Amino acid sequence: MRVMYSGSFDPITYGHLDLIKRCSEKFDEVIVTVFDNNSKKHLFSAHERKKLVEGAVESVVKNKNIKVDLTSGMLVEYARKNCINLVIRGLRAVSDYEYELKIASINKHLYPELETIFMVASAEYSFISSSIVKEVAMLGGDISKLVPLNVLQEINKKFGRN
C-alpha cells in the first residue's frame, strides 16, 4: 500500500524523519510530498526544501521505499492524480489534532476515497517543530539535535554561520 506524508518541511526535522521511518516500515511505498505554498513565508525555497528532504531521508532513514516529490496546489488533487488513498499526518499535541481534524475532514469531503491516519510523535520529538527550529537557529541556539547534518549546514549558511 502507498501512503503520502506531506508538508512544507521548512526545514525537515528529526520529528518528521521519525514519522517517515515508521511509515516506511509499515507501508510498501511512502511518498513524502513537499508542498510549495506561496501563502507561507519560507526560509528555504521549494526546491531547496525538496533537496534537504531527499538528503535527510537518504542519510537518516535509508529505506528504499521512500520517494520525495514537490508539488503545489491542493493535497487532494495530488493524491487523486497519483492514485493515493491514504495520507499520514503527525500529531504532537491536542492543538495539532484540532487543526488536522479540520484538514482531514475537508480532504475527505473533496476526495471521499482519501483516508487520513494520525500518527503520534515519538516522545523525544514531540516538542520539535520547523518554526521552533528556525526561531532557535535565528537566535543563535544549538539545533544540532533537532535536524540532520545536511539541514544544519544549510540553516547555518542561511544565517551566515559556518
Protein backbone atom coordinates (compact mmCIF):
# COMPACT_ATOMS: atom_id res chain seq x y z
CA MET A 1 0.00 0.00 0.00
CA ARG A 2 1.15 3.52 -0.87
CA VAL A 3 0.92 6.34 1.64
CA MET A 4 1.59 10.06 1.40
CA TYR A 5 3.19 12.18 4.11
CA SER A 6 3.05 15.83 3.14
CA GLY A 7 4.13 19.17 4.50
CA SER A 8 6.16 22.24 3.84
CA PHE A 9 9.21 20.78 5.63
CA ASP A 10 10.77 24.20 6.20
CA PRO A 11 13.03 22.66 7.39
CA ILE A 12 12.66 18.92 7.81
CA THR A 13 13.36 17.85 11.41
CA TYR A 14 14.11 14.64 13.25
CA GLY A 15 10.41 14.57 14.18
CA HIS A 16 9.45 14.42 10.50
CA LEU A 17 12.11 11.81 9.82
CA ASP A 18 10.88 9.64 12.68
CA LEU A 19 7.40 9.55 11.12
CA ILE A 20 8.83 8.87 7.66
CA LYS A 21 10.92 5.98 9.02
CA ARG A 22 7.98 4.49 10.93
CA CYS A 23 5.77 4.76 7.83
CA SER A 24 8.43 3.16 5.63
CA GLU A 25 8.43 0.14 7.95
CA LYS A 26 4.65 -0.29 7.71
CA PHE A 27 3.80 0.61 4.10
CA ASP A 28 5.07 -0.55 0.72
CA GLU A 29 5.79 2.98 -0.51
CA VAL A 30 5.97 6.33 1.24
CA ILE A 31 5.64 9.45 -0.87
CA VAL A 32 6.98 12.44 1.02
CA THR A 33 5.35 15.40 -0.67
CA VAL A 34 6.93 18.82 -0.24
CA PHE A 35 4.25 21.43 -0.85
CA ASP A 36 5.09 24.77 -2.37
CA ASN A 37 2.64 27.05 -0.58
CA ASN A 38 3.14 30.67 -1.60
CA SER A 39 0.96 31.95 1.26
CA LYS A 40 3.67 30.98 3.76
CA LYS A 41 6.98 32.76 4.20
CA HIS A 42 9.65 30.08 3.94
CA LEU A 43 13.30 30.08 4.95
CA PHE A 44 14.08 27.74 2.04
CA SER A 45 12.68 27.69 -1.48
CA ALA A 46 10.54 24.73 -2.50
CA HIS A 47 13.40 23.20 -4.50
CA GLU A 48 15.82 23.69 -1.59
CA ARG A 49 13.34 22.02 0.78
CA LYS A 50 12.92 19.06 -1.57
CA LYS A 51 16.70 18.66 -1.79
CA LEU A 52 17.03 18.86 2.00
CA VAL A 53 14.31 16.24 2.47
CA GLU A 54 15.99 13.93 -0.06
CA GLY A 55 19.35 14.30 1.67
CA ALA A 56 17.88 13.79 5.13
CA VAL A 57 15.91 10.71 4.08
CA GLU A 58 18.99 9.23 2.40
CA SER A 59 21.29 9.83 5.38
CA VAL A 60 18.90 9.16 8.28
CA VAL A 61 16.12 6.81 7.17
CA LYS A 62 17.94 4.90 4.43
CA ASN A 63 14.88 2.88 3.38
CA LYS A 64 14.49 2.43 -0.37
CA ASN A 65 10.68 2.60 -0.41
CA ILE A 66 10.58 6.38 0.06
CA LYS A 67 10.02 8.81 -2.80
CA VAL A 68 10.26 12.59 -2.39
CA ASP A 69 8.16 14.79 -4.64
CA LEU A 70 7.45 18.50 -4.97
CA THR A 71 4.04 19.90 -5.75
CA SER A 72 1.75 22.87 -5.24
CA GLY A 73 -1.98 23.21 -5.04
CA MET A 74 -4.34 21.01 -3.10
CA LEU A 75 -3.29 17.80 -1.40
CA VAL A 76 -6.43 16.04 -2.64
CA GLU A 77 -5.61 16.85 -6.25
CA TYR A 78 -2.11 15.44 -5.90
CA ALA A 79 -3.49 12.34 -4.17
CA ARG A 80 -6.16 11.80 -6.81
CA LYS A 81 -3.73 12.31 -9.70
CA ASN A 82 -1.25 9.85 -8.17
CA CYS A 83 -3.82 7.24 -7.06
CA ILE A 84 -3.05 7.74 -3.37
CA ASN A 85 -5.84 6.91 -0.94
CA LEU A 86 -4.02 7.24 2.37
CA VAL A 87 -2.44 10.27 4.00
CA ILE A 88 -0.40 10.27 7.20
CA ARG A 89 -0.43 13.29 9.48
CA GLY A 90 1.71 13.69 12.58
CA LEU A 91 0.35 14.85 15.92
CA ARG A 92 2.44 16.40 18.68
CA ALA A 93 -0.27 17.89 20.89
CA VAL A 94 -4.02 18.32 21.23
CA SER A 95 -3.81 21.59 19.31
CA ASP A 96 -2.38 19.69 16.32
CA TYR A 97 -5.35 17.30 16.43
CA GLU A 98 -7.91 20.09 16.23
CA TYR A 99 -6.24 21.61 13.18
CA GLU A 100 -5.52 18.29 11.47
CA LEU A 101 -9.08 17.04 12.02
CA LYS A 102 -10.43 20.03 10.09
CA ILE A 103 -7.99 19.42 7.25
CA ALA A 104 -8.76 15.68 7.16
CA SER A 105 -12.49 16.41 7.10
CA ILE A 106 -12.34 18.83 4.17
CA ASN A 107 -9.99 16.47 2.30
CA LYS A 108 -12.47 13.62 2.82
CA HIS A 109 -15.28 15.88 1.60
CA LEU A 110 -13.32 16.80 -1.55
CA TYR A 111 -11.96 13.30 -2.20
CA PRO A 112 -14.12 10.65 -0.46
CA GLU A 113 -11.65 7.84 -1.23
CA LEU A 114 -8.91 9.57 0.75
CA GLU A 115 -8.34 8.40 4.32
CA THR A 116 -6.19 10.16 6.89
CA ILE A 117 -4.28 8.33 9.59
CA PHE A 118 -2.90 10.28 12.53
CA MET A 119 0.42 9.16 13.99
CA VAL A 120 1.52 10.43 17.37
CA ALA A 121 5.00 11.88 17.52
CA SER A 122 7.56 9.90 19.47
CA ALA A 123 8.09 11.44 22.91
CA GLU A 124 11.65 12.56 22.17
CA TYR A 125 10.46 14.59 19.17
CA SER A 126 7.09 15.84 20.42
CA PHE A 127 8.34 19.38 21.10
CA ILE A 128 10.09 19.87 17.74
CA SER A 129 8.51 21.97 15.02
CA SER A 130 10.04 23.62 11.99
CA SER A 131 9.01 27.01 13.41
CA ILE A 132 10.84 26.35 16.68
CA VAL A 133 13.93 25.16 14.81
CA LYS A 134 14.00 28.34 12.72
CA GLU A 135 13.48 30.59 15.73
CA VAL A 136 16.20 28.92 17.80
CA ALA A 137 18.59 29.00 14.83
CA MET A 138 17.84 32.66 14.14
CA LEU A 139 18.68 33.49 17.77
CA GLY A 140 21.96 31.53 17.58
CA GLY A 141 20.86 28.49 19.60
CA ASP A 142 22.04 24.93 19.10
CA ILE A 143 19.71 22.95 16.80
CA SER A 144 22.12 20.10 16.11
CA LYS A 145 19.94 17.57 17.95
CA LEU A 146 16.78 18.72 16.16
CA VAL A 147 17.77 18.41 12.50
CA PRO A 148 20.12 16.20 10.46
CA LEU A 149 23.58 17.44 9.49
CA ASN A 150 22.66 18.41 5.91
CA VAL A 151 19.85 20.63 7.23
CA LEU A 152 22.01 22.10 9.99
CA GLN A 153 24.67 23.09 7.46
CA GLU A 154 22.15 24.79 5.17
CA ILE A 155 20.47 26.65 8.05
CA ASN A 156 23.87 27.87 9.21
CA LYS A 157 24.56 29.16 5.67
CA LYS A 158 21.20 30.99 5.63
CA PHE A 159 22.14 32.74 8.88
CA GLY A 160 25.74 33.42 7.81
CA ARG A 161 27.39 30.93 10.15
CA ASN A 162 29.97 28.22 9.49
